Amino acid sequence: RGPATRYDLETGTFHPFPPMRRGLTDYHLSASGKWLFHGQNIFDIESNELLSFTARRPVSGKGGQIYYALDGNVMAVDMTRPRLVDGKDRRGKTIKKKTFAPLWQLPSSEILAAVNEDEDYGSPRLRTSIEGPLSIDLRAGDRLYGHWADVLFAIDLPVGGGKPRVSWTTTVAGTPRTLLAADGKLFVGTNEGRIYCFSGTQSHPKTYAEVTEGGQFNLPS
């Protein structure tokens, strides 16, 4: 995998970032303020420092906040409020490391409870668990959107010292891979090749047939 690189618009030159930790980089690359996020790595562009603190594919928010999933929880961290703690480098030498205390966290059990909110006990649609990793995919306004296996969910961000709240869930056929928000709608692409569009004003979804090479319509099952 190629290294993360920045491009200087004034000089027209590329400047590669220092090597990131092996096994913690992937296709995810984004930046917010002075921070570069690459996979699970967080890099301080101003100080040219790779932090020991990691977060998997975080989503940026207002005021330096980031949101990500960790061990079955949705986490919120304020990147403008670091703490220095004692740690060890690779040679065992004591050093100061930057870490960040969570502003809040929301357990995945609350997402599961929201999925089952309208189901009666004993219903065949009642889910006792959901297999697969939890993912926070984007922020749109004061909401986070993510997926957990075949479940899509939205979390309303807390206001004025309140708590985060799971405000919406739905399931799709397959596994979501890409989420985008635009024009007041949520677009979701799945690993299986389906595209979903959700809107708050939409009452009856439309299903479009797939046209095969032979000109035949292939309705999704």
N, C-alpha and C. Protein backbone atom coordinates (compact mmCIF):
# COMPACT_ATOMS: atom_id res chain seq x y z
N ARG A 1 0.85 -1.19 0.00
CA ARG A 1 0.00 0.00 0.00
C ARG A 1 0.88 1.25 0.00
N GLY A 2 0.57 2.21 -0.88
CA GLY A 2 1.37 3.42 -0.97
C GLY A 2 1.24 4.29 0.26
N PRO A 3 2.28 5.07 0.59
CA PRO A 3 2.22 5.93 1.78
C PRO A 3 1.29 7.12 1.56
N ALA A 4 0.74 7.64 2.66
CA ALA A 4 -0.07 8.85 2.58
C ALA A 4 0.83 10.02 2.18
N THR A 5 0.30 10.88 1.31
CA THR A 5 1.09 11.97 0.75
C THR A 5 0.27 13.25 0.72
N ARG A 6 0.92 14.39 0.98
CA ARG A 6 0.24 15.68 0.86
C ARG A 6 0.78 16.43 -0.35
N TYR A 7 -0.07 17.29 -0.91
CA TYR A 7 0.29 18.04 -2.11
C TYR A 7 0.25 19.53 -1.80
N ASP A 8 1.35 20.23 -2.05
CA ASP A 8 1.46 21.65 -1.79
C ASP A 8 0.94 22.41 -3.02
N LEU A 9 -0.19 23.12 -2.86
CA LEU A 9 -0.80 23.83 -3.98
C LEU A 9 0.06 24.98 -4.48
N GLU A 10 0.87 25.58 -3.60
CA GLU A 10 1.68 26.72 -4.01
C GLU A 10 2.90 26.29 -4.81
N THR A 11 3.55 25.22 -4.37
CA THR A 11 4.78 24.79 -5.06
C THR A 11 4.53 23.68 -6.08
N GLY A 12 3.36 23.04 -6.00
CA GLY A 12 3.07 21.94 -6.92
C GLY A 12 3.91 20.70 -6.66
N THR A 13 4.29 20.50 -5.40
CA THR A 13 5.13 19.35 -5.06
C THR A 13 4.43 18.44 -4.05
N PHE A 14 4.81 17.16 -4.08
CA PHE A 14 4.28 16.18 -3.14
C PHE A 14 5.23 16.01 -1.96
N HIS A 15 4.66 15.79 -0.78
CA HIS A 15 5.45 15.58 0.42
C HIS A 15 4.88 14.37 1.16
N PRO A 16 5.51 13.21 1.05
CA PRO A 16 5.00 12.02 1.74
C PRO A 16 5.08 12.18 3.25
N PHE A 17 4.10 11.63 3.95
CA PHE A 17 4.13 11.60 5.41
C PHE A 17 5.09 10.51 5.87
N PRO A 18 5.59 10.62 7.09
CA PRO A 18 6.45 9.55 7.62
C PRO A 18 5.69 8.22 7.63
N PRO A 19 6.40 7.11 7.65
CA PRO A 19 5.74 5.80 7.67
C PRO A 19 4.79 5.66 8.86
N MET A 20 3.62 5.10 8.58
CA MET A 20 2.65 4.82 9.65
C MET A 20 2.90 3.41 10.19
N ARG A 21 2.20 3.05 11.25
CA ARG A 21 2.37 1.73 11.84
C ARG A 21 1.83 0.65 10.91
N ARG A 22 2.60 -0.41 10.77
CA ARG A 22 2.18 -1.52 9.93
C ARG A 22 0.96 -2.20 10.53
N GLY A 23 0.06 -2.61 9.66
CA GLY A 23 -1.14 -3.30 10.11
C GLY A 23 -2.25 -2.38 10.57
N LEU A 24 -1.99 -1.06 10.66
CA LEU A 24 -3.01 -0.12 11.13
C LEU A 24 -3.44 0.86 10.04
N THR A 25 -2.96 0.68 8.82
CA THR A 25 -3.37 1.53 7.71
C THR A 25 -4.27 0.73 6.77
N ASP A 26 -5.13 1.45 6.06
CA ASP A 26 -5.97 0.84 5.03
C ASP A 26 -6.32 1.93 4.04
N TYR A 27 -7.44 1.77 3.33
CA TYR A 27 -7.81 2.73 2.31
C TYR A 27 -8.31 4.05 2.89
N HIS A 28 -8.69 4.05 4.17
CA HIS A 28 -9.29 5.24 4.78
C HIS A 28 -8.24 6.33 4.98
N LEU A 29 -8.53 7.51 4.44
CA LEU A 29 -7.63 8.66 4.56
C LEU A 29 -8.47 9.92 4.59
N SER A 30 -8.37 10.68 5.68
CA SER A 30 -9.11 11.93 5.79
C SER A 30 -8.32 12.89 6.67
N ALA A 31 -8.72 14.16 6.66
CA ALA A 31 -8.03 15.16 7.45
C ALA A 31 -9.04 16.15 8.01
N SER A 32 -8.74 16.67 9.20
CA SER A 32 -9.58 17.69 9.83
C SER A 32 -8.68 18.56 10.69
N GLY A 33 -8.64 19.86 10.38
CA GLY A 33 -7.75 20.74 11.12
C GLY A 33 -6.31 20.31 10.96
N LYS A 34 -5.61 20.09 12.05
CA LYS A 34 -4.21 19.69 11.98
C LYS A 34 -4.03 18.18 12.01
N TRP A 35 -5.13 17.42 11.97
CA TRP A 35 -5.05 15.98 12.11
C TRP A 35 -5.23 15.25 10.79
N LEU A 36 -4.40 14.25 10.58
CA LEU A 36 -4.54 13.33 9.46
C LEU A 36 -4.93 11.97 10.02
N PHE A 37 -5.99 11.38 9.48
CA PHE A 37 -6.45 10.07 9.92
C PHE A 37 -6.23 9.07 8.79
N HIS A 38 -5.46 8.03 9.08
CA HIS A 38 -5.11 7.04 8.06
C HIS A 38 -5.31 5.65 8.67
N GLY A 39 -6.44 5.00 8.31
CA GLY A 39 -6.76 3.72 8.93
C GLY A 39 -7.03 3.94 10.41
N GLN A 40 -6.16 3.41 11.27
CA GLN A 40 -6.28 3.63 12.71
C GLN A 40 -5.25 4.65 13.22
N ASN A 41 -4.35 5.09 12.35
CA ASN A 41 -3.30 6.02 12.74
C ASN A 41 -3.82 7.46 12.77
N ILE A 42 -3.30 8.24 13.72
CA ILE A 42 -3.61 9.66 13.81
C ILE A 42 -2.29 10.42 13.81
N PHE A 43 -2.17 11.36 12.88
CA PHE A 43 -0.91 12.09 12.68
C PHE A 43 -1.16 13.58 12.87
N ASP A 44 -0.31 14.22 13.69
CA ASP A 44 -0.38 15.66 13.92
C ASP A 44 0.46 16.34 12.84
N ILE A 45 -0.20 17.01 11.90
CA ILE A 45 0.50 17.62 10.77
C ILE A 45 1.39 18.78 11.22
N GLU A 46 0.97 19.54 12.23
CA GLU A 46 1.74 20.70 12.67
C GLU A 46 3.03 20.30 13.36
N SER A 47 2.96 19.30 14.23
CA SER A 47 4.16 18.89 14.97
C SER A 47 4.89 17.73 14.32
N ASN A 48 4.33 17.21 13.21
CA ASN A 48 4.94 16.08 12.50
C ASN A 48 5.06 14.86 13.42
N GLU A 49 4.00 14.63 14.20
CA GLU A 49 4.04 13.58 15.23
C GLU A 49 2.97 12.52 14.96
N LEU A 50 3.38 11.26 14.99
CA LEU A 50 2.45 10.14 14.91
C LEU A 50 2.03 9.78 16.34
N LEU A 51 0.75 9.91 16.65
CA LEU A 51 0.29 9.67 18.01
C LEU A 51 0.26 8.19 18.33
N SER A 52 0.48 7.87 19.60
CA SER A 52 0.31 6.49 20.06
C SER A 52 -1.17 6.15 20.17
N PHE A 53 -2.01 7.16 20.33
CA PHE A 53 -3.47 6.99 20.40
C PHE A 53 -3.99 6.62 19.02
N THR A 54 -4.86 5.62 18.95
CA THR A 54 -5.39 5.18 17.67
C THR A 54 -6.92 5.18 17.70
N ALA A 55 -7.53 5.31 16.52
CA ALA A 55 -8.98 5.25 16.36
C ALA A 55 -9.26 4.73 14.96
N ARG A 56 -10.10 3.73 14.83
CA ARG A 56 -10.35 3.10 13.53
C ARG A 56 -11.30 3.94 12.68
N ARG A 57 -10.79 4.48 11.58
CA ARG A 57 -11.56 5.23 10.60
C ARG A 57 -12.51 6.24 11.24
N PRO A 58 -11.98 7.19 11.99
CA PRO A 58 -12.85 8.12 12.70
C PRO A 58 -13.57 9.08 11.75
N VAL A 59 -14.71 9.57 12.21
CA VAL A 59 -15.49 10.58 11.51
C VAL A 59 -15.31 11.90 12.25
N SER A 60 -15.01 12.96 11.52
CA SER A 60 -14.75 14.26 12.15
C SER A 60 -16.05 14.99 12.46
N GLY A 61 -16.02 15.74 13.57
CA GLY A 61 -17.18 16.53 13.97
C GLY A 61 -16.80 17.98 14.20
N LYS A 62 -17.64 18.69 14.89
CA LYS A 62 -17.40 20.10 15.17
C LYS A 62 -16.45 20.26 16.36
N GLY A 63 -15.70 21.35 16.34
CA GLY A 63 -14.87 21.69 17.49
C GLY A 63 -13.78 20.70 17.81
N GLY A 64 -13.27 19.98 16.80
CA GLY A 64 -12.18 19.04 17.03
C GLY A 64 -12.61 17.68 17.53
N GLN A 65 -13.91 17.39 17.54
CA GLN A 65 -14.38 16.09 18.00
C GLN A 65 -14.28 15.05 16.88
N ILE A 66 -14.04 13.80 17.27
CA ILE A 66 -14.08 12.68 16.34
C ILE A 66 -14.94 11.58 16.94
N TYR A 67 -15.48 10.74 16.06
CA TYR A 67 -16.36 9.65 16.47
C TYR A 67 -15.91 8.37 15.77
N TYR A 68 -15.92 7.28 16.51
CA TYR A 68 -15.47 6.01 15.95
C TYR A 68 -16.02 4.87 16.80
N ALA A 69 -15.88 3.64 16.30
CA ALA A 69 -16.34 2.46 17.03
C ALA A 69 -15.15 1.75 17.65
N LEU A 70 -15.35 1.28 18.90
CA LEU A 70 -14.28 0.58 19.61
C LEU A 70 -14.90 -0.44 20.56
N ASP A 71 -14.57 -1.71 20.35
CA ASP A 71 -15.01 -2.77 21.25
C ASP A 71 -16.52 -2.76 21.50
N GLY A 72 -17.28 -2.57 20.42
CA GLY A 72 -18.73 -2.60 20.56
C GLY A 72 -19.36 -1.34 21.11
N ASN A 73 -18.61 -0.25 21.16
CA ASN A 73 -19.13 1.02 21.63
C ASN A 73 -18.89 2.10 20.58
N VAL A 74 -19.78 3.08 20.55
CA VAL A 74 -19.55 4.29 19.76
C VAL A 74 -18.89 5.30 20.67
N MET A 75 -17.73 5.80 20.24
CA MET A 75 -16.92 6.67 21.09
C MET A 75 -16.89 8.09 20.51
N ALA A 76 -16.81 9.06 21.42
CA ALA A 76 -16.60 10.46 21.05
C ALA A 76 -15.41 10.99 21.82
N VAL A 77 -14.50 11.65 21.11
CA VAL A 77 -13.27 12.17 21.71
C VAL A 77 -13.04 13.59 21.22
N ASP A 78 -12.59 14.45 22.11
CA ASP A 78 -12.24 15.84 21.77
C ASP A 78 -10.72 15.90 21.54
N MET A 79 -10.32 16.07 20.28
CA MET A 79 -8.90 16.08 19.94
C MET A 79 -8.19 17.36 20.37
N THR A 80 -8.94 18.36 20.85
CA THR A 80 -8.30 19.59 21.33
C THR A 80 -7.93 19.51 22.80
N ARG A 81 -8.23 18.37 23.44
CA ARG A 81 -7.97 18.24 24.89
C ARG A 81 -7.14 16.99 25.17
N PRO A 82 -5.88 17.00 24.75
CA PRO A 82 -5.03 15.83 25.00
C PRO A 82 -4.57 15.78 26.46
N ARG A 83 -4.20 14.58 26.89
CA ARG A 83 -3.60 14.38 28.21
C ARG A 83 -2.27 13.68 28.01
N LEU A 84 -1.28 14.06 28.81
CA LEU A 84 0.02 13.41 28.75
C LEU A 84 0.10 12.34 29.84
N VAL A 85 0.46 11.14 29.43
CA VAL A 85 0.61 10.03 30.38
C VAL A 85 1.96 9.38 30.14
N ASP A 86 2.46 8.71 31.16
CA ASP A 86 3.73 8.00 31.03
C ASP A 86 3.53 6.72 30.22
N GLY A 87 4.49 6.46 29.34
CA GLY A 87 4.45 5.25 28.54
C GLY A 87 5.86 4.80 28.20
N LYS A 88 5.97 3.75 27.42
CA LYS A 88 7.25 3.20 27.00
C LYS A 88 7.36 3.23 25.48
N ASP A 89 8.57 3.54 24.99
CA ASP A 89 8.79 3.42 23.56
C ASP A 89 9.23 1.99 23.25
N ARG A 90 9.59 1.74 21.99
CA ARG A 90 9.93 0.37 21.59
C ARG A 90 11.18 -0.15 22.27
N ARG A 91 12.01 0.73 22.78
CA ARG A 91 13.23 0.33 23.48
C ARG A 91 13.05 0.25 24.99
N GLY A 92 11.82 0.47 25.45
CA GLY A 92 11.55 0.40 26.88
C GLY A 92 11.82 1.67 27.64
N LYS A 93 12.15 2.75 26.94
CA LYS A 93 12.44 4.02 27.59
C LYS A 93 11.13 4.71 27.96
N THR A 94 11.09 5.30 29.16
CA THR A 94 9.90 6.02 29.61
C THR A 94 9.75 7.33 28.84
N ILE A 95 8.57 7.53 28.26
CA ILE A 95 8.30 8.75 27.50
C ILE A 95 6.90 9.24 27.85
N LYS A 96 6.61 10.46 27.44
CA LYS A 96 5.27 11.02 27.60
C LYS A 96 4.48 10.76 26.31
N LYS A 97 3.27 10.24 26.48
CA LYS A 97 2.41 9.96 25.34
C LYS A 97 1.11 10.74 25.46
N LYS A 98 0.59 11.16 24.29
CA LYS A 98 -0.69 11.86 24.27
C LYS A 98 -1.83 10.84 24.22
N THR A 99 -2.82 11.06 25.05
CA THR A 99 -4.03 10.24 24.98
C THR A 99 -5.23 11.16 25.14
N PHE A 100 -6.41 10.63 24.91
CA PHE A 100 -7.62 11.44 24.92
C PHE A 100 -8.72 10.68 25.64
N ALA A 101 -9.33 11.34 26.61
CA ALA A 101 -10.42 10.72 27.35
C ALA A 101 -11.72 10.85 26.55
N PRO A 102 -12.55 9.83 26.55
CA PRO A 102 -13.82 9.93 25.80
C PRO A 102 -14.76 10.97 26.40
N LEU A 103 -15.40 11.72 25.52
CA LEU A 103 -16.45 12.65 25.96
C LEU A 103 -17.69 11.87 26.36
N TRP A 104 -18.01 10.88 25.59
CA TRP A 104 -19.11 9.97 25.87
C TRP A 104 -18.93 8.70 25.07
N GLN A 105 -19.67 7.68 25.45
CA GLN A 105 -19.69 6.45 24.67
C GLN A 105 -21.09 5.85 24.74
N LEU A 106 -21.48 5.22 23.64
CA LEU A 106 -22.79 4.61 23.53
C LEU A 106 -22.61 3.14 23.20
N PRO A 107 -23.11 2.23 24.05
CA PRO A 107 -22.90 0.80 23.81
C PRO A 107 -23.77 0.29 22.67
N SER A 108 -23.28 -0.73 21.97
CA SER A 108 -24.02 -1.30 20.86
C SER A 108 -25.33 -1.93 21.31
N SER A 109 -25.45 -2.24 22.60
CA SER A 109 -26.71 -2.79 23.11
C SER A 109 -27.87 -1.83 22.91
N GLU A 110 -27.59 -0.51 22.89
CA GLU A 110 -28.65 0.46 22.66
C GLU A 110 -29.09 0.45 21.20
N ILE A 111 -28.18 0.14 20.29
CA ILE A 111 -28.56 0.00 18.88
C ILE A 111 -29.43 -1.24 18.70
N LEU A 112 -29.03 -2.34 19.34
CA LEU A 112 -29.81 -3.57 19.26
C LEU A 112 -31.20 -3.35 19.86
N ALA A 113 -31.29 -2.63 20.96
CA ALA A 113 -32.59 -2.35 21.57
C ALA A 113 -33.47 -1.53 20.64
N ALA A 114 -32.87 -0.59 19.90
CA ALA A 114 -33.65 0.21 18.94
C ALA A 114 -34.14 -0.64 17.78
N VAL A 115 -33.32 -1.61 17.35
CA VAL A 115 -33.74 -2.51 16.27
C VAL A 115 -34.97 -3.31 16.70
N ASN A 116 -35.02 -3.71 17.95
CA ASN A 116 -36.11 -4.55 18.47
C ASN A 116 -37.25 -3.76 19.09
N GLU A 117 -37.20 -2.45 18.99
CA GLU A 117 -38.16 -1.60 19.72
C GLU A 117 -39.61 -1.93 19.38
N ASP A 118 -39.91 -2.21 18.12
CA ASP A 118 -41.29 -2.45 17.71
C ASP A 118 -41.64 -3.93 17.61
N GLU A 119 -40.76 -4.80 18.10
CA GLU A 119 -41.01 -6.23 18.02
C GLU A 119 -41.48 -6.77 19.38
N ASP A 120 -42.46 -7.68 19.32
CA ASP A 120 -42.95 -8.32 20.54
C ASP A 120 -42.03 -9.47 20.93
N TYR A 121 -42.01 -9.77 22.22
CA TYR A 121 -41.22 -10.90 22.69
C TYR A 121 -41.73 -12.18 22.03
N GLY A 122 -40.83 -12.96 21.47
CA GLY A 122 -41.21 -14.17 20.76
C GLY A 122 -41.41 -13.96 19.28
N SER A 123 -41.37 -12.72 18.81
CA SER A 123 -41.50 -12.46 17.38
C SER A 123 -40.32 -13.07 16.63
N PRO A 124 -40.56 -13.66 15.44
CA PRO A 124 -39.45 -14.23 14.67
C PRO A 124 -38.46 -13.17 14.21
N ARG A 125 -38.86 -11.91 14.23
CA ARG A 125 -37.97 -10.82 13.80
C ARG A 125 -37.16 -10.25 14.96
N LEU A 126 -37.44 -10.72 16.17
CA LEU A 126 -36.70 -10.25 17.35
C LEU A 126 -35.28 -10.79 17.29
N ARG A 127 -34.31 -9.90 17.44
CA ARG A 127 -32.90 -10.29 17.34
C ARG A 127 -32.25 -10.22 18.71
N THR A 128 -31.63 -11.33 19.09
CA THR A 128 -30.94 -11.38 20.38
C THR A 128 -29.50 -10.90 20.28
N SER A 129 -28.95 -10.90 19.07
CA SER A 129 -27.58 -10.44 18.86
C SER A 129 -27.41 -10.10 17.39
N ILE A 130 -26.34 -9.38 17.11
CA ILE A 130 -25.97 -9.04 15.73
C ILE A 130 -24.48 -9.34 15.59
N GLU A 131 -24.15 -10.14 14.59
CA GLU A 131 -22.76 -10.52 14.37
C GLU A 131 -22.07 -9.53 13.44
N GLY A 132 -20.81 -9.26 13.70
CA GLY A 132 -20.04 -8.39 12.81
C GLY A 132 -19.58 -7.13 13.51
N PRO A 133 -18.61 -6.44 12.91
CA PRO A 133 -18.07 -5.22 13.52
C PRO A 133 -19.02 -4.04 13.39
N LEU A 134 -18.96 -3.16 14.37
CA LEU A 134 -19.71 -1.91 14.37
C LEU A 134 -18.88 -0.86 13.64
N SER A 135 -19.56 0.00 12.85
CA SER A 135 -18.83 1.01 12.08
C SER A 135 -19.59 2.33 12.09
N ILE A 136 -18.85 3.42 12.33
CA ILE A 136 -19.39 4.77 12.17
C ILE A 136 -18.89 5.29 10.83
N ASP A 137 -19.82 5.66 9.93
CA ASP A 137 -19.45 5.94 8.55
C ASP A 137 -19.45 7.42 8.19
N LEU A 138 -20.35 8.21 8.78
CA LEU A 138 -20.37 9.63 8.42
C LEU A 138 -21.15 10.42 9.45
N ARG A 139 -20.91 11.74 9.41
CA ARG A 139 -21.70 12.69 10.18
C ARG A 139 -22.38 13.63 9.22
N ALA A 140 -23.68 13.85 9.43
CA ALA A 140 -24.44 14.81 8.63
C ALA A 140 -25.24 15.68 9.60
N GLY A 141 -24.87 16.95 9.71
CA GLY A 141 -25.53 17.82 10.67
C GLY A 141 -25.22 17.35 12.09
N ASP A 142 -26.26 17.13 12.87
CA ASP A 142 -26.10 16.69 14.26
C ASP A 142 -26.39 15.21 14.42
N ARG A 143 -26.15 14.45 13.36
CA ARG A 143 -26.38 13.00 13.40
C ARG A 143 -25.16 12.24 12.91
N LEU A 144 -24.94 11.08 13.52
CA LEU A 144 -23.97 10.12 13.01
C LEU A 144 -24.73 8.99 12.33
N TYR A 145 -24.17 8.48 11.26
CA TYR A 145 -24.75 7.32 10.58
C TYR A 145 -23.70 6.21 10.53
N GLY A 146 -24.16 4.99 10.72
CA GLY A 146 -23.25 3.87 10.68
C GLY A 146 -23.97 2.59 10.33
N HIS A 147 -23.23 1.49 10.36
CA HIS A 147 -23.85 0.20 10.09
C HIS A 147 -23.25 -0.86 11.00
N TRP A 148 -24.03 -1.91 11.17
CA TRP A 148 -23.64 -3.06 11.99
C TRP A 148 -24.24 -4.30 11.32
N ALA A 149 -23.41 -5.04 10.60
CA ALA A 149 -23.90 -6.14 9.77
C ALA A 149 -24.91 -5.58 8.77
N ASP A 150 -26.15 -6.06 8.76
CA ASP A 150 -27.15 -5.58 7.80
C ASP A 150 -28.00 -4.44 8.36
N VAL A 151 -27.63 -3.91 9.51
CA VAL A 151 -28.40 -2.85 10.17
C VAL A 151 -27.77 -1.48 9.91
N LEU A 152 -28.60 -0.54 9.47
CA LEU A 152 -28.20 0.87 9.38
C LEU A 152 -28.79 1.59 10.58
N PHE A 153 -28.06 2.58 11.10
CA PHE A 153 -28.56 3.30 12.26
C PHE A 153 -28.10 4.75 12.23
N ALA A 154 -28.86 5.58 12.95
CA ALA A 154 -28.50 6.99 13.13
C ALA A 154 -28.47 7.29 14.61
N ILE A 155 -27.51 8.12 15.01
CA ILE A 155 -27.36 8.53 16.40
C ILE A 155 -27.43 10.05 16.45
N ASP A 156 -28.35 10.57 17.23
CA ASP A 156 -28.43 12.02 17.44
C ASP A 156 -27.35 12.42 18.44
N LEU A 157 -26.54 13.39 18.06
CA LEU A 157 -25.46 13.84 18.93
C LEU A 157 -26.03 14.61 20.12
N PRO A 158 -25.40 14.49 21.29
CA PRO A 158 -25.92 15.17 22.49
C PRO A 158 -25.78 16.68 22.38
N VAL A 159 -26.72 17.36 23.01
CA VAL A 159 -26.72 18.83 23.03
C VAL A 159 -26.79 19.29 24.48
N GLY A 160 -25.93 20.23 24.84
CA GLY A 160 -26.01 20.84 26.16
C GLY A 160 -25.86 19.87 27.31
N GLY A 161 -24.89 18.95 27.21
CA GLY A 161 -24.67 18.02 28.30
C GLY A 161 -25.60 16.82 28.31
N GLY A 162 -26.42 16.67 27.26
CA GLY A 162 -27.31 15.52 27.18
C GLY A 162 -26.57 14.26 26.76
N LYS A 163 -27.32 13.24 26.42
CA LYS A 163 -26.76 11.95 26.03
C LYS A 163 -27.04 11.66 24.56
N PRO A 164 -26.16 10.91 23.91
CA PRO A 164 -26.45 10.50 22.53
C PRO A 164 -27.63 9.55 22.50
N ARG A 165 -28.37 9.53 21.39
CA ARG A 165 -29.57 8.72 21.30
C ARG A 165 -29.68 8.06 19.93
N VAL A 166 -29.97 6.77 19.91
CA VAL A 166 -30.23 6.07 18.65
C VAL A 166 -31.61 6.48 18.18
N SER A 167 -31.67 7.22 17.07
CA SER A 167 -32.94 7.80 16.62
C SER A 167 -33.56 7.08 15.44
N TRP A 168 -32.82 6.17 14.80
CA TRP A 168 -33.36 5.51 13.60
C TRP A 168 -32.56 4.26 13.31
N THR A 169 -33.25 3.20 12.91
CA THR A 169 -32.60 1.98 12.45
C THR A 169 -33.42 1.38 11.32
N THR A 170 -32.76 0.63 10.47
CA THR A 170 -33.43 -0.16 9.44
C THR A 170 -32.48 -1.26 9.02
N THR A 171 -32.98 -2.25 8.33
CA THR A 171 -32.14 -3.32 7.81
C THR A 171 -32.20 -3.33 6.29
N VAL A 172 -31.13 -3.81 5.70
CA VAL A 172 -31.06 -3.91 4.24
C VAL A 172 -30.65 -5.33 3.86
N ALA A 173 -30.85 -5.66 2.60
CA ALA A 173 -30.42 -6.96 2.09
C ALA A 173 -28.94 -6.88 1.76
N GLY A 174 -28.12 -7.59 2.51
CA GLY A 174 -26.68 -7.56 2.27
C GLY A 174 -25.96 -6.77 3.34
N THR A 175 -24.73 -6.40 3.03
CA THR A 175 -23.86 -5.69 3.98
C THR A 175 -23.51 -4.31 3.44
N PRO A 176 -23.88 -3.23 4.14
CA PRO A 176 -23.51 -1.89 3.69
C PRO A 176 -22.00 -1.73 3.60
N ARG A 177 -21.57 -1.00 2.60
CA ARG A 177 -20.14 -0.74 2.43
C ARG A 177 -19.84 0.76 2.38
N THR A 178 -20.66 1.52 1.68
CA THR A 178 -20.43 2.96 1.52
C THR A 178 -21.69 3.72 1.87
N LEU A 179 -21.57 4.74 2.72
CA LEU A 179 -22.68 5.61 3.08
C LEU A 179 -22.33 7.04 2.68
N LEU A 180 -23.29 7.72 2.04
CA LEU A 180 -23.12 9.11 1.64
C LEU A 180 -24.39 9.88 1.98
N ALA A 181 -24.25 11.14 2.36
CA ALA A 181 -25.40 11.99 2.64
C ALA A 181 -25.35 13.19 1.70
N ALA A 182 -26.49 13.46 1.03
CA ALA A 182 -26.57 14.60 0.11
C ALA A 182 -28.04 14.88 -0.18
N ASP A 183 -28.35 16.15 -0.38
CA ASP A 183 -29.70 16.56 -0.78
C ASP A 183 -30.76 16.08 0.21
N GLY A 184 -30.40 16.02 1.49
CA GLY A 184 -31.35 15.58 2.49
C GLY A 184 -31.65 14.10 2.46
N LYS A 185 -30.79 13.33 1.83
CA LYS A 185 -31.01 11.89 1.69
C LYS A 185 -29.76 11.12 2.12
N LEU A 186 -29.97 9.85 2.46
CA LEU A 186 -28.89 8.95 2.80
C LEU A 186 -28.78 7.90 1.71
N PHE A 187 -27.60 7.80 1.09
CA PHE A 187 -27.36 6.82 0.04
C PHE A 187 -26.44 5.72 0.59
N VAL A 188 -26.81 4.48 0.32
CA VAL A 188 -26.07 3.35 0.86
C VAL A 188 -25.79 2.36 -0.26
N GLY A 189 -24.52 2.01 -0.43
CA GLY A 189 -24.13 0.95 -1.36
C GLY A 189 -23.69 -0.28 -0.59
N THR A 190 -24.08 -1.46 -1.07
CA THR A 190 -23.77 -2.70 -0.36
C THR A 190 -22.71 -3.50 -1.09
N ASN A 191 -22.11 -4.44 -0.37
CA ASN A 191 -21.13 -5.33 -0.98
C ASN A 191 -21.74 -6.15 -2.11
N GLU A 192 -23.04 -6.36 -2.05
CA GLU A 192 -23.71 -7.20 -3.03
C GLU A 192 -24.15 -6.44 -4.26
N GLY A 193 -23.88 -5.13 -4.32
CA GLY A 193 -24.16 -4.35 -5.51
C GLY A 193 -25.47 -3.59 -5.51
N ARG A 194 -26.17 -3.55 -4.39
CA ARG A 194 -27.41 -2.79 -4.31
C ARG A 194 -27.12 -1.35 -3.88
N ILE A 195 -28.01 -0.44 -4.28
CA ILE A 195 -27.94 0.96 -3.86
C ILE A 195 -29.28 1.33 -3.25
N TYR A 196 -29.22 1.85 -2.02
CA TYR A 196 -30.42 2.29 -1.31
C TYR A 196 -30.37 3.80 -1.15
N CYS A 197 -31.56 4.41 -1.20
CA CYS A 197 -31.68 5.84 -0.95
C CYS A 197 -32.80 6.04 0.08
N PHE A 198 -32.47 6.69 1.20
CA PHE A 198 -33.44 6.92 2.26
C PHE A 198 -33.70 8.42 2.39
N SER A 199 -34.98 8.76 2.58
CA SER A 199 -35.37 10.16 2.77
C SER A 199 -36.41 10.24 3.86
N GLY A 200 -36.34 11.29 4.65
CA GLY A 200 -37.30 11.44 5.74
C GLY A 200 -38.73 11.63 5.28
N THR A 201 -38.93 12.11 4.04
CA THR A 201 -40.28 12.36 3.54
C THR A 201 -40.81 11.22 2.68
N GLN A 202 -40.00 10.20 2.44
CA GLN A 202 -40.41 9.11 1.56
C GLN A 202 -41.30 8.13 2.31
N SER A 203 -42.48 7.81 1.74
CA SER A 203 -43.42 6.91 2.40
C SER A 203 -43.40 5.51 1.81
N HIS A 204 -43.27 5.40 0.50
CA HIS A 204 -43.28 4.08 -0.15
C HIS A 204 -42.04 3.98 -1.05
N PRO A 205 -41.13 3.07 -0.73
CA PRO A 205 -39.90 2.97 -1.53
C PRO A 205 -40.16 2.45 -2.94
N LYS A 206 -39.38 2.94 -3.86
CA LYS A 206 -39.42 2.46 -5.24
C LYS A 206 -38.29 1.46 -5.45
N THR A 207 -38.56 0.40 -6.18
CA THR A 207 -37.55 -0.60 -6.50
C THR A 207 -37.34 -0.58 -8.00
N TYR A 208 -36.10 -0.38 -8.43
CA TYR A 208 -35.77 -0.33 -9.85
C TYR A 208 -35.13 -1.64 -10.28
N ALA A 209 -35.55 -2.13 -11.40
CA ALA A 209 -35.03 -3.40 -11.90
C ALA A 209 -33.65 -3.22 -12.49
N GLU A 210 -32.87 -4.28 -12.41
CA GLU A 210 -31.55 -4.29 -13.03
C GLU A 210 -31.69 -4.78 -14.47
N VAL A 211 -31.09 -4.06 -15.40
CA VAL A 211 -31.14 -4.45 -16.81
C VAL A 211 -29.89 -5.24 -17.13
N THR A 212 -30.08 -6.48 -17.58
CA THR A 212 -28.95 -7.34 -17.91
C THR A 212 -28.43 -7.02 -19.31
N GLU A 213 -27.32 -7.66 -19.68
CA GLU A 213 -26.73 -7.40 -20.99
C GLU A 213 -27.68 -7.78 -22.13
N GLY A 214 -28.52 -8.77 -21.89
CA GLY A 214 -29.47 -9.18 -22.93
C GLY A 214 -30.70 -8.34 -23.01
N GLY A 215 -30.75 -7.27 -22.21
CA GLY A 215 -31.91 -6.38 -22.27
C GLY A 215 -33.07 -6.84 -21.41
N GLN A 216 -32.87 -7.89 -20.59
CA GLN A 216 -33.92 -8.40 -19.73
C GLN A 216 -33.88 -7.68 -18.39
N PHE A 217 -35.07 -7.56 -17.81
CA PHE A 217 -35.16 -6.93 -16.48
C PHE A 217 -35.01 -8.01 -15.41
N ASN A 218 -34.13 -7.74 -14.47
CA ASN A 218 -33.88 -8.69 -13.40
C ASN A 218 -34.25 -8.02 -12.08
N LEU A 219 -35.47 -8.30 -11.58
CA LEU A 219 -35.93 -7.68 -10.34
C LEU A 219 -35.19 -8.25 -9.16
N PRO A 220 -34.73 -7.42 -8.24
CA PRO A 220 -34.06 -7.93 -7.05
C PRO A 220 -35.00 -8.80 -6.24
N SER A 221 -34.44 -9.85 -5.65
CA SER A 221 -35.26 -10.74 -4.82
C SER A 221 -35.48 -10.13 -3.45
